[in-house]
């Protein structure tokens, strides 16, 4: 499996890019948000999901490990394939999408292209307990909400240490986001 690619953006088209990795071009399908943030000749690293089907192979790319892990959770839901999962992740930054699922906001999820009301409800039922606690979206009654950064290196590091997305989110809850990444990881590990 191809876990990530690091290289230069050689071409952009539709919702895909070709990443030149030492002379080999990898076509990677991206979310709309990641696609908009890339420019030709940018040096980037994308976490990838290598999707193999009977007649094709595709790479789906993500700017953060959290986005990749949420994608992997989404495609476990019956009726949600890679394209629908990418449409859901294209709605907003990954933390906002995760929070919508954690808050059981099926109306928000159903806004994704190709995702109907029933599929959105299935996403909520299957994943609500797996994505972690909501950090800000839909919890306006609580005064001080912690908003995690979109590309949270501490969250990615905890997940690479074997934490699930839900466990990593819970471990970082209450840890000051202004601390350096190493300190945030240390504080999160102390909670465990």
C-alpha atoms as a PDB file:
ATOM      1  CA  UNK A   1       0.000   0.000   0.000  1.00  0.00           C
ATOM      2  CA  UNK A   2       1.055   3.560  -0.627  1.00  0.00           C
ATOM      3  CA  UNK A   3       0.788   5.416   2.707  1.00  0.00           C
ATOM      4  CA  UNK A   4       1.941   8.845   1.539  1.00  0.00           C
ATOM      5  CA  UNK A   5       3.568  10.638  -1.351  1.00  0.00           C
ATOM      6  CA  UNK A   6       5.983  13.538  -1.130  1.00  0.00           C
ATOM      7  CA  UNK A   7       6.860  15.485  -4.210  1.00  0.00           C
ATOM      8  CA  UNK A   8       6.019  18.402  -6.449  1.00  0.00           C
ATOM      9  CA  UNK A   9       2.623  19.229  -7.930  1.00  0.00           C
ATOM     10  CA  UNK A  10       3.203  18.696 -11.640  1.00  0.00           C
ATOM     11  CA  UNK A  11      -0.375  19.042 -12.917  1.00  0.00           C
ATOM     12  CA  UNK A  12      -3.820  19.984 -11.613  1.00  0.00           C
ATOM     13  CA  UNK A  13      -7.124  19.002 -13.173  1.00  0.00           C
ATOM     14  CA  UNK A  14     -10.735  18.543 -12.009  1.00  0.00           C
ATOM     15  CA  UNK A  15     -10.294  17.263  -8.423  1.00  0.00           C
ATOM     16  CA  UNK A  16      -6.970  15.501  -8.928  1.00  0.00           C
ATOM     17  CA  UNK A  17      -3.308  16.386  -9.049  1.00  0.00           C
ATOM     18  CA  UNK A  18      -0.278  14.608 -10.378  1.00  0.00           C
ATOM     19  CA  UNK A  19       2.541  14.530  -7.853  1.00  0.00           C
ATOM     20  CA  UNK A  20       6.003  14.102  -9.358  1.00  0.00           C
ATOM     21  CA  UNK A  21       8.044  11.898  -7.032  1.00  0.00           C
ATOM     22  CA  UNK A  22      11.569  11.642  -8.462  1.00  0.00           C
ATOM     23  CA  UNK A  23      10.323  11.346 -12.038  1.00  0.00           C
ATOM     24  CA  UNK A  24       7.274   9.144 -11.323  1.00  0.00           C
ATOM     25  CA  UNK A  25       3.877  10.832 -11.482  1.00  0.00           C
ATOM     26  CA  UNK A  26       1.171   9.719  -9.059  1.00  0.00           C
ATOM     27  CA  UNK A  27      -2.381  10.831  -9.789  1.00  0.00           C
ATOM     28  CA  UNK A  28      -4.057  11.635  -6.476  1.00  0.00           C
ATOM     29  CA  UNK A  29      -7.716  12.563  -5.973  1.00  0.00           C
ATOM     30  CA  UNK A  30      -8.162  15.308  -3.380  1.00  0.00           C
ATOM     31  CA  UNK A  31     -10.942  16.947  -1.418  1.00  0.00           C
ATOM     32  CA  UNK A  32     -12.070  20.293  -2.813  1.00  0.00           C
ATOM     33  CA  UNK A  33     -10.421  22.101   0.100  1.00  0.00           C
ATOM     34  CA  UNK A  34      -7.018  20.447  -0.362  1.00  0.00           C
ATOM     35  CA  UNK A  35      -7.246  20.919  -4.136  1.00  0.00           C
ATOM     36  CA  UNK A  36      -7.890  24.667  -3.754  1.00  0.00           C
ATOM     37  CA  UNK A  37      -4.929  25.037  -1.381  1.00  0.00           C
ATOM     38  CA  UNK A  38      -2.397  23.573  -3.848  1.00  0.00           C
ATOM     39  CA  UNK A  39      -0.578  25.365  -6.624  1.00  0.00           C
ATOM     40  CA  UNK A  40       1.539  24.048  -9.459  1.00  0.00           C
ATOM     41  CA  UNK A  41       5.154  23.350  -8.436  1.00  0.00           C
ATOM     42  CA  UNK A  42       4.313  23.242  -4.699  1.00  0.00           C
ATOM     43  CA  UNK A  43       6.388  20.738  -2.733  1.00  0.00           C
ATOM     44  CA  UNK A  44       3.900  18.739  -0.666  1.00  0.00           C
ATOM     45  CA  UNK A  45       3.326  15.601   1.337  1.00  0.00           C
ATOM     46  CA  UNK A  46      -0.045  13.910   1.080  1.00  0.00           C
ATOM     47  CA  UNK A  47      -1.257  11.011   3.202  1.00  0.00           C
ATOM     48  CA  UNK A  48      -2.861   8.581   0.795  1.00  0.00           C
ATOM     49  CA  UNK A  49      -5.430   5.847   0.738  1.00  0.00           C
ATOM     50  CA  UNK A  50      -4.747   3.285  -1.990  1.00  0.00           C
ATOM     51  CA  UNK A  51      -8.148   2.046  -3.195  1.00  0.00           C
ATOM     52  CA  UNK A  52      -7.969  -1.153  -5.239  1.00  0.00           C
ATOM     53  CA  UNK A  53     -10.938  -2.451  -7.198  1.00  0.00           C
ATOM     54  CA  UNK A  54     -11.267  -5.220  -9.709  1.00  0.00           C
ATOM     55  CA  UNK A  55     -10.695  -2.967 -12.709  1.00  0.00           C
ATOM     56  CA  UNK A  56      -8.904   0.066 -11.282  1.00  0.00           C
ATOM     57  CA  UNK A  57      -6.607   1.476  -8.639  1.00  0.00           C
ATOM     58  CA  UNK A  58      -6.949   4.982  -7.221  1.00  0.00           C
ATOM     59  CA  UNK A  59      -5.038   7.119  -4.748  1.00  0.00           C
ATOM     60  CA  UNK A  60      -6.998   9.466  -2.511  1.00  0.00           C
ATOM     61  CA  UNK A  61      -4.871  12.151  -0.848  1.00  0.00           C
ATOM     62  CA  UNK A  62      -5.200  14.192   2.331  1.00  0.00           C
ATOM     63  CA  UNK A  63      -3.178  17.047   3.800  1.00  0.00           C
ATOM     64  CA  UNK A  64      -3.519  15.626   7.329  1.00  0.00           C
ATOM     65  CA  UNK A  65      -3.539  12.203   8.914  1.00  0.00           C
ATOM     66  CA  UNK A  66      -6.785  13.115  10.708  1.00  0.00           C
ATOM     67  CA  UNK A  67      -8.511  13.625   7.339  1.00  0.00           C
ATOM     68  CA  UNK A  68      -7.230  10.258   6.092  1.00  0.00           C
ATOM     69  CA  UNK A  69      -8.454   8.474   9.234  1.00  0.00           C
ATOM     70  CA  UNK A  70     -11.883  10.104   8.961  1.00  0.00           C
ATOM     71  CA  UNK A  71     -12.012   9.057   5.292  1.00  0.00           C
ATOM     72  CA  UNK A  72     -11.197   5.468   6.314  1.00  0.00           C
ATOM     73  CA  UNK A  73     -14.033   5.564   8.858  1.00  0.00           C
ATOM     74  CA  UNK A  74     -16.469   7.003   6.308  1.00  0.00           C
ATOM     75  CA  UNK A  75     -15.871   4.263   3.750  1.00  0.00           C
ATOM     76  CA  UNK A  76     -16.735   1.605   6.360  1.00  0.00           C
ATOM     77  CA  UNK A  77     -20.321   2.888   6.299  1.00  0.00           C
ATOM     78  CA  UNK A  78     -22.599   0.886   4.013  1.00  0.00           C
ATOM     79  CA  UNK A  79     -23.419   2.912   0.908  1.00  0.00           C
ATOM     80  CA  UNK A  80     -20.525   5.352   1.331  1.00  0.00           C
ATOM     81  CA  UNK A  81     -17.772   4.743  -1.166  1.00  0.00           C
ATOM     82  CA  UNK A  82     -14.558   6.700  -1.655  1.00  0.00           C
ATOM     83  CA  UNK A  83     -16.172   9.337  -3.867  1.00  0.00           C
ATOM     84  CA  UNK A  84     -18.991  10.005  -1.384  1.00  0.00           C
ATOM     85  CA  UNK A  85     -16.471  10.118   1.472  1.00  0.00           C
ATOM     86  CA  UNK A  86     -14.420  12.688  -0.456  1.00  0.00           C
ATOM     87  CA  UNK A  87     -17.587  14.723  -1.063  1.00  0.00           C
ATOM     88  CA  UNK A  88     -18.317  14.713   2.679  1.00  0.00           C
ATOM     89  CA  UNK A  89     -14.756  15.779   3.475  1.00  0.00           C
ATOM     90  CA  UNK A  90     -15.038  18.522   0.839  1.00  0.00           C
ATOM     91  CA  UNK A  91     -17.824  20.218   2.807  1.00  0.00           C
ATOM     92  CA  UNK A  92     -15.463  21.973   5.228  1.00  0.00           C
ATOM     93  CA  UNK A  93     -12.182  21.524   7.099  1.00  0.00           C
ATOM     94  CA  UNK A  94     -11.866  18.029   8.577  1.00  0.00           C
ATOM     95  CA  UNK A  95     -12.421  19.181  12.162  1.00  0.00           C
ATOM     96  CA  UNK A  96     -15.747  20.782  11.250  1.00  0.00           C
ATOM     97  CA  UNK A  97     -16.903  17.626   9.440  1.00  0.00           C
ATOM     98  CA  UNK A  98     -15.816  15.456  12.381  1.00  0.00           C
ATOM     99  CA  UNK A  99     -17.718  17.726  14.755  1.00  0.00           C
ATOM    100  CA  UNK A 100     -20.844  17.591  12.590  1.00  0.00           C
ATOM    101  CA  UNK A 101     -20.756  13.786  12.790  1.00  0.00           C
ATOM    102  CA  UNK A 102     -20.055  13.865  16.539  1.00  0.00           C
ATOM    103  CA  UNK A 103     -23.050  16.179  16.996  1.00  0.00           C
ATOM    104  CA  UNK A 104     -25.325  13.914  14.883  1.00  0.00           C
ATOM    105  CA  UNK A 105     -25.909  16.652  12.298  1.00  0.00           C
ATOM    106  CA  UNK A 106     -27.209  14.533   9.418  1.00  0.00           C
ATOM    107  CA  UNK A 107     -28.521  17.624   7.593  1.00  0.00           C
ATOM    108  CA  UNK A 108     -24.952  18.948   7.370  1.00  0.00           C
ATOM    109  CA  UNK A 109     -23.585  15.611   6.096  1.00  0.00           C
ATOM    110  CA  UNK A 110     -26.392  15.301   3.526  1.00  0.00           C
ATOM    111  CA  UNK A 111     -25.191  18.541   1.873  1.00  0.00           C
ATOM    112  CA  UNK A 112     -22.344  16.559   0.292  1.00  0.00           C
ATOM    113  CA  UNK A 113     -22.738  15.808  -3.400  1.00  0.00           C
ATOM    114  CA  UNK A 114     -24.174  12.325  -3.929  1.00  0.00           C
ATOM    115  CA  UNK A 115     -25.042  11.789  -0.254  1.00  0.00           C
ATOM    116  CA  UNK A 116     -28.744  11.540   0.473  1.00  0.00           C
ATOM    117  CA  UNK A 117     -30.653  11.837   3.716  1.00  0.00           C
ATOM    118  CA  UNK A 118     -30.602   8.099   4.461  1.00  0.00           C
ATOM    119  CA  UNK A 119     -26.883   7.774   3.769  1.00  0.00           C
ATOM    120  CA  UNK A 120     -26.156  10.789   5.962  1.00  0.00           C
ATOM    121  CA  UNK A 121     -28.201   9.285   8.796  1.00  0.00           C
ATOM    122  CA  UNK A 122     -26.329   5.996   8.394  1.00  0.00           C
ATOM    123  CA  UNK A 123     -23.019   7.890   8.661  1.00  0.00           C
ATOM    124  CA  UNK A 124     -24.191   9.468  11.916  1.00  0.00           C
ATOM    125  CA  UNK A 125     -25.444   6.185  13.411  1.00  0.00           C
ATOM    126  CA  UNK A 126     -22.318   4.233  12.458  1.00  0.00           C
ATOM    127  CA  UNK A 127     -19.657   6.837  13.250  1.00  0.00           C
ATOM    128  CA  UNK A 128     -20.946   9.148  15.972  1.00  0.00           C
ATOM    129  CA  UNK A 129     -19.233   7.170  18.743  1.00  0.00           C
ATOM    130  CA  UNK A 130     -16.105   6.534  16.674  1.00  0.00           C
ATOM    131  CA  UNK A 131     -15.107  10.098  15.786  1.00  0.00           C
ATOM    132  CA  UNK A 132     -14.600  11.430  19.299  1.00  0.00           C
ATOM    133  CA  UNK A 133     -16.244  14.141  21.310  1.00  0.00           C
ATOM    134  CA  UNK A 134     -17.413  17.356  19.687  1.00  0.00           C
ATOM    135  CA  UNK A 135     -14.983  20.199  20.311  1.00  0.00           C
ATOM    136  CA  UNK A 136     -17.044  23.186  19.233  1.00  0.00           C
ATOM    137  CA  UNK A 137     -19.613  22.696  16.498  1.00  0.00           C
ATOM    138  CA  UNK A 138     -23.167  22.605  17.814  1.00  0.00           C
ATOM    139  CA  UNK A 139     -22.195  23.003  21.490  1.00  0.00           C
ATOM    140  CA  UNK A 140     -22.890  26.688  21.833  1.00  0.00           C
ATOM    141  CA  UNK A 141     -24.379  26.385  25.329  1.00  0.00           C
ATOM    142  CA  UNK A 142     -20.979  25.723  26.875  1.00  0.00           C
ATOM    143  CA  UNK A 143     -19.017  28.945  27.395  1.00  0.00           C
ATOM    144  CA  UNK A 144     -15.394  28.121  26.562  1.00  0.00           C
ATOM    145  CA  UNK A 145     -15.069  25.723  23.656  1.00  0.00           C
ATOM    146  CA  UNK A 146     -11.688  24.493  22.540  1.00  0.00           C
ATOM    147  CA  UNK A 147     -11.285  24.713  18.784  1.00  0.00           C
ATOM    148  CA  UNK A 148      -8.661  22.342  17.427  1.00  0.00           C
ATOM    149  CA  UNK A 149      -6.565  23.583  14.500  1.00  0.00           C
ATOM    150  CA  UNK A 150      -7.449  22.222  11.050  1.00  0.00           C
ATOM    151  CA  UNK A 151      -4.106  20.450  10.579  1.00  0.00           C
ATOM    152  CA  UNK A 152      -3.273  19.478  14.142  1.00  0.00           C
ATOM    153  CA  UNK A 153       0.214  17.939  14.279  1.00  0.00           C
ATOM    154  CA  UNK A 154      -0.384  16.714  17.838  1.00  0.00           C
ATOM    155  CA  UNK A 155      -3.535  14.881  16.732  1.00  0.00           C
ATOM    156  CA  UNK A 156      -1.659  13.350  13.791  1.00  0.00           C
ATOM    157  CA  UNK A 157       1.208  12.288  16.075  1.00  0.00           C
ATOM    158  CA  UNK A 158      -1.125  10.594  18.567  1.00  0.00           C
ATOM    159  CA  UNK A 159      -2.833   8.723  15.732  1.00  0.00           C
ATOM    160  CA  UNK A 160       0.518   7.580  14.375  1.00  0.00           C
ATOM    161  CA  UNK A 161       1.229   6.242  17.884  1.00  0.00           C
ATOM    162  CA  UNK A 162      -1.825   4.010  17.541  1.00  0.00           C
ATOM    163  CA  UNK A 163      -4.618   6.163  18.977  1.00  0.00           C
ATOM    164  CA  UNK A 164      -7.939   6.098  17.155  1.00  0.00           C
ATOM    165  CA  UNK A 165      -9.313   9.425  15.968  1.00  0.00           C
ATOM    166  CA  UNK A 166     -11.787   9.395  18.863  1.00  0.00           C
ATOM    167  CA  UNK A 167      -9.142   8.556  21.490  1.00  0.00           C
ATOM    168  CA  UNK A 168      -6.681  11.133  20.146  1.00  0.00           C
ATOM    169  CA  UNK A 169      -9.369  13.834  20.173  1.00  0.00           C
ATOM    170  CA  UNK A 170     -10.381  12.941  23.715  1.00  0.00           C
ATOM    171  CA  UNK A 171      -6.746  12.902  24.894  1.00  0.00           C
ATOM    172  CA  UNK A 172      -6.175  16.407  23.505  1.00  0.00           C
ATOM    173  CA  UNK A 173      -9.365  17.779  25.049  1.00  0.00           C
ATOM    174  CA  UNK A 174      -8.448  20.452  27.556  1.00  0.00           C
ATOM    175  CA  UNK A 175      -4.785  20.617  26.479  1.00  0.00           C
ATOM    176  CA  UNK A 176      -3.790  24.208  25.667  1.00  0.00           C
ATOM    177  CA  UNK A 177      -3.518  24.535  21.876  1.00  0.00           C
ATOM    178  CA  UNK A 178      -0.967  27.336  22.295  1.00  0.00           C
ATOM    179  CA  UNK A 179       1.621  24.884  23.688  1.00  0.00           C
ATOM    180  CA  UNK A 180       4.289  23.496  21.339  1.00  0.00           C
ATOM    181  CA  UNK A 181       3.313  20.237  19.630  1.00  0.00           C
ATOM    182  CA  UNK A 182       5.685  18.143  21.773  1.00  0.00           C
ATOM    183  CA  UNK A 183       4.219  19.566  24.991  1.00  0.00           C
ATOM    184  CA  UNK A 184       0.651  18.954  23.816  1.00  0.00           C
ATOM    185  CA  UNK A 185       1.516  15.325  23.029  1.00  0.00           C
ATOM    186  CA  UNK A 186       3.192  14.899  26.419  1.00  0.00           C
ATOM    187  CA  UNK A 187       0.133  16.358  28.221  1.00  0.00           C
ATOM    188  CA  UNK A 188      -2.235  14.132  26.235  1.00  0.00           C
ATOM    189  CA  UNK A 189      -0.192  11.031  27.047  1.00  0.00           C
ATOM    190  CA  UNK A 190      -0.248  11.927  30.765  1.00  0.00           C
ATOM    191  CA  UNK A 191      -4.063  11.790  30.693  1.00  0.00           C
ATOM    192  CA  UNK A 192      -4.045   8.233  29.443  1.00  0.00           C
END
